[in-house]
Protein backbone atom coordinates (compact mmCIF):
# COMPACT_ATOMS: atom_id res chain seq x y z
CA MET A 1 -0.74 -3.28 -2.52
CA PHE A 2 -1.19 -6.43 -0.42
CA THR A 3 0.29 -9.93 -0.10
CA GLY A 4 -2.79 -12.13 0.29
CA ILE A 5 -1.66 -13.22 3.77
CA ILE A 6 -4.63 -12.57 6.04
CA GLU A 7 -3.76 -10.77 9.28
CA THR A 8 -7.03 -11.23 11.15
CA LEU A 9 -10.71 -11.93 10.81
CA GLY A 10 -13.01 -8.93 11.06
CA ARG A 11 -16.77 -8.59 11.09
CA ILE A 12 -19.27 -6.40 9.30
CA ALA A 13 -20.84 -4.30 12.07
CA SER A 14 -23.29 -2.46 9.81
CA SER A 15 -24.06 -1.83 6.16
CA GLU A 16 -25.88 1.42 5.39
CA GLU A 17 -27.26 2.64 2.07
CA ARG A 18 -26.06 6.18 1.29
CA GLY A 19 -27.16 7.97 -1.85
CA GLY A 20 -27.01 4.89 -4.06
CA ASP A 21 -23.79 3.44 -2.68
CA ARG A 22 -22.96 2.04 0.77
CA ARG A 23 -21.13 2.88 4.01
CA LEU A 24 -19.71 -0.11 5.88
CA LEU A 25 -18.62 -0.21 9.51
CA ILE A 26 -16.17 -3.05 10.09
CA GLU A 27 -14.91 -4.47 13.38
CA ALA A 28 -11.14 -4.92 13.14
CA GLY A 29 -9.88 -4.66 16.71
CA GLU A 30 -6.83 -6.92 16.42
CA LEU A 31 -5.66 -5.23 13.24
CA LEU A 32 -6.06 -1.70 14.61
CA ALA A 33 -4.40 -2.56 17.92
CA LYS A 34 -0.97 -3.32 16.46
CA ALA A 35 1.85 -0.91 17.31
CA ARG A 36 2.73 1.84 14.85
CA PRO A 37 6.49 2.53 14.81
CA GLY A 38 7.50 6.19 15.00
CA GLY A 39 5.84 8.71 12.71
CA ARG A 40 4.92 12.35 13.22
CA ASP A 41 1.76 13.99 14.47
CA GLU A 42 -0.40 16.51 12.60
CA HIS A 43 2.02 19.29 13.60
CA GLY A 44 5.07 17.51 12.19
CA ILE A 45 6.41 16.70 15.64
CA HIS A 46 7.90 13.25 16.18
CA ALA A 47 5.30 11.13 17.93
CA ALA A 48 5.64 8.14 20.21
CA PRO A 49 4.49 4.77 18.87
CA ARG A 50 0.72 4.69 18.52
CA HIS A 51 -1.87 2.47 16.91
CA TRP A 52 -1.00 0.54 13.77
CA GLY A 53 -0.46 2.71 10.70
CA VAL A 54 -4.13 2.54 9.80
CA LEU A 55 -5.31 6.11 9.57
CA PRO A 56 -8.13 7.75 7.59
CA GLY A 57 -7.17 7.54 3.92
CA ASP A 58 -5.26 4.26 4.30
CA SER A 59 -6.21 1.03 2.54
CA ILE A 60 -7.40 -2.27 4.00
CA ALA A 61 -8.27 -5.35 1.95
CA VAL A 62 -11.65 -6.75 3.04
CA ASN A 63 -12.26 -10.20 1.52
CA GLY A 64 -9.81 -9.15 -1.17
CA VAL A 65 -11.50 -5.80 -1.90
CA CYS A 66 -9.28 -2.75 -1.39
CA LEU A 67 -11.27 -0.23 0.68
CA THR A 68 -10.26 3.21 1.92
CA VAL A 69 -10.58 3.94 5.62
CA ALA A 70 -13.00 6.89 5.93
CA LYS A 71 -13.15 7.08 9.73
CA LEU A 72 -11.92 5.22 12.79
CA HIS A 73 -14.35 4.40 15.61
CA GLY A 74 -12.42 2.71 18.41
CA GLN A 75 -11.81 -0.84 17.17
CA GLN A 76 -13.91 -0.29 14.05
CA PHE A 77 -13.35 1.53 10.79
CA ALA A 78 -15.80 2.96 8.29
CA ALA A 79 -15.39 2.59 4.52
CA ASP A 80 -17.46 3.77 1.57
CA VAL A 81 -18.18 1.26 -1.20
CA SER A 82 -18.91 2.62 -4.68
CA ARG A 83 -21.52 1.32 -7.11
CA GLU A 84 -18.74 -0.15 -9.24
CA THR A 85 -17.36 -2.17 -6.35
CA LEU A 86 -20.84 -3.26 -5.24
CA SER A 87 -21.59 -4.61 -8.71
CA ALA A 88 -18.18 -6.17 -9.46
CA THR A 89 -17.53 -7.95 -6.13
CA THR A 90 -19.40 -9.79 -3.40
CA ALA A 91 -19.48 -6.60 -1.28
CA GLY A 92 -23.05 -5.92 -2.33
CA ALA A 93 -24.17 -9.05 -0.46
CA TRP A 94 -22.25 -8.45 2.78
CA LYS A 95 -24.52 -8.39 5.82
CA ALA A 96 -24.08 -7.24 9.41
CA GLY A 97 -22.56 -10.03 11.50
CA GLN A 98 -20.67 -11.60 8.59
CA ASP A 99 -16.98 -12.45 9.15
CA VAL A 100 -14.48 -11.11 6.61
CA ASN A 101 -10.75 -11.54 5.89
CA LEU A 102 -8.65 -8.45 6.66
CA GLU A 103 -5.18 -7.38 5.56
CA ALA A 104 -3.58 -3.97 5.99
CA ALA A 105 -1.60 -2.52 3.07
CA LEU A 106 1.91 -3.79 2.44
CA THR A 107 4.68 -1.73 4.03
CA ALA A 108 8.43 -1.63 3.30
CA GLY A 109 10.20 -4.43 5.16
CA LYS A 110 7.08 -6.57 5.51
CA PRO A 111 7.61 -10.21 4.40
CA LEU A 112 6.03 -10.92 1.02
CA GLY A 113 4.71 -14.31 2.06
CA GLY A 114 2.03 -14.61 -0.63
CA HIS A 115 2.15 -12.78 -3.96
CA LEU A 116 1.56 -9.22 -5.14
CA VAL A 117 -2.14 -8.45 -4.73
CA SER A 118 -3.74 -5.14 -5.71
CA GLY A 119 -7.12 -5.55 -4.04
CA HIS A 120 -8.81 -4.81 -7.38
CA VAL A 121 -11.17 -7.74 -7.90
CA ASP A 122 -11.26 -9.15 -11.45
CA GLY A 123 -14.48 -11.08 -11.08
CA VAL A 124 -16.76 -13.17 -8.89
CA GLY A 125 -16.34 -16.96 -8.94
CA ARG A 126 -18.15 -19.77 -7.16
CA LEU A 127 -17.13 -22.81 -5.14
CA VAL A 128 -18.15 -25.91 -7.10
CA SER A 129 -17.06 -28.68 -4.73
CA LYS A 130 -14.95 -29.42 -1.66
CA SER A 131 -13.46 -32.64 -0.32
CA GLU A 132 -11.06 -33.68 2.42
CA ASP A 133 -7.45 -34.22 1.33
CA ALA A 134 -5.54 -35.53 4.37
CA ARG A 135 -5.65 -32.59 6.83
CA SER A 136 -6.39 -30.08 4.06
CA TRP A 137 -9.46 -29.39 1.97
CA ARG A 138 -9.34 -29.56 -1.80
CA MET A 139 -11.66 -26.99 -3.32
CA ARG A 140 -12.73 -26.55 -6.91
CA PHE A 141 -13.84 -23.14 -8.10
CA GLU A 142 -15.36 -21.85 -11.34
CA ALA A 143 -14.20 -18.42 -12.49
CA PRO A 144 -15.87 -16.18 -15.07
CA VAL A 145 -15.02 -17.51 -18.55
CA ASP A 146 -12.93 -14.48 -19.51
CA LEU A 147 -10.61 -15.00 -16.54
CA GLY A 148 -9.74 -18.60 -17.38
CA ARG A 149 -6.75 -17.64 -19.55
CA TYR A 150 -5.04 -15.97 -16.59
CA ILE A 151 -5.23 -19.03 -14.30
CA ALA A 152 -2.35 -21.47 -14.68
CA ARG A 153 -1.29 -24.65 -12.89
CA LYS A 154 1.09 -23.77 -10.02
CA GLY A 155 0.36 -20.09 -10.60
CA SER A 156 -1.05 -17.72 -7.97
CA ILE A 157 -4.63 -16.61 -7.43
CA CYS A 158 -6.31 -14.56 -4.71
CA ILE A 159 -9.64 -15.85 -3.35
CA ASP A 160 -11.50 -13.54 -0.93
CA GLY A 161 -8.17 -11.88 -0.20
CA VAL A 162 -6.25 -15.12 0.41
CA SER A 163 -3.15 -15.86 -1.68
CA LEU A 164 -3.31 -19.46 -2.97
CA THR A 165 -1.47 -21.74 -5.40
CA VAL A 166 -3.45 -23.29 -8.25
CA ASN A 167 -3.18 -27.08 -8.26
CA GLU A 168 -5.00 -27.75 -11.52
CA ALA A 169 -6.57 -25.50 -14.13
CA GLU A 170 -8.86 -26.36 -17.02
CA GLY A 171 -10.81 -23.69 -18.84
CA ALA A 172 -12.27 -21.41 -16.20
CA GLY A 173 -12.23 -24.14 -13.53
CA PHE A 174 -9.39 -24.62 -11.06
CA THR A 175 -8.59 -26.36 -7.79
CA VAL A 176 -6.66 -25.26 -4.71
CA ASN A 177 -5.70 -26.92 -1.43
CA ILE A 178 -6.57 -25.11 1.81
CA VAL A 179 -4.15 -26.10 4.58
CA PRO A 180 -5.20 -26.30 8.27
CA HIS A 181 -3.77 -22.88 9.21
CA THR A 182 -5.71 -21.15 6.42
CA LEU A 183 -8.88 -23.07 7.31
CA GLN A 184 -8.61 -21.83 10.90
CA HIS A 185 -7.59 -18.22 10.30
CA THR A 186 -9.66 -17.21 7.25
CA THR A 187 -13.26 -17.55 6.08
CA LEU A 188 -12.43 -20.10 3.36
CA GLY A 189 -13.15 -23.12 5.58
CA ARG A 190 -16.75 -21.95 5.95
CA LEU A 191 -17.48 -21.86 2.23
CA GLN A 192 -20.08 -24.23 0.84
CA PRO A 193 -20.66 -25.25 -2.79
CA GLY A 194 -22.47 -22.46 -4.60
CA ASP A 195 -20.99 -19.67 -2.46
CA ALA A 196 -19.64 -16.64 -4.34
CA VAL A 197 -16.04 -15.46 -3.86
CA ASN A 198 -13.95 -12.51 -5.01
CA LEU A 199 -11.20 -13.47 -7.45
CA GLU A 200 -8.07 -11.54 -8.38
CA VAL A 201 -5.82 -13.16 -10.96
CA ASP A 202 -2.05 -12.82 -11.07
CA LEU A 203 -1.07 -9.20 -11.69
CA ILE A 204 1.86 -10.20 -13.92
CA ALA A 205 -0.37 -12.29 -16.20
CA ARG A 206 -2.59 -9.31 -17.00
CA TYR A 207 0.30 -7.00 -17.85
CA LEU A 208 2.06 -9.71 -19.86
CA GLU A 209 -1.06 -10.25 -21.98
CA LYS A 210 -1.27 -6.54 -22.79
CA LEU A 211 2.41 -6.31 -23.72
CA VAL A 212 2.23 -9.36 -25.96
CA SER A 213 -1.00 -8.28 -27.67
CA GLU A 214 0.40 -4.83 -28.46
CA ARG A 215 3.60 -6.31 -29.87
CA THR A 216 1.74 -8.71 -32.15
């Protein structure tokens, strides 16, 4: 589980085909360098603080896609991407040298500054237009048609891992405002009309629809 508040920008170091799926190596130095409070070593002995609680088997959201850390290589981590994820997200188009938004998994006591995000992408949308709005940028996106019913005015949506508030929603189209901090610290400010993005709709909306449909 994540919050949609990006912790740092990372970079795709390499993307390697492996038996039909893909192994990514991602630079994430700032994220991996954070202190890890307490914990125990492999022998069950209390250990001194070490690197951030990112260990093999942990989850990191990469542009909103929840990936499992397979190995750590200094300030990089490796992750395997399945065929399903390659086909259902923008991960299949990631290239070496590309910047990506990174967020480590939510821990107890961590501020929930965005909204509950699972890292399970619902579909790929596209930026339709962007325009300046004072010091922010107003961006209009088009989601897949079947996701339109989950997107509501003043509701939450996750775009490439970033938690955002929907300003307006009509059909499968919606607009958001990207404030200066988000423009500077995520990849959203670099998007151009036509670019593809990972979308995750509000978790509560999906469960509510299922409950209501079963009752009726």
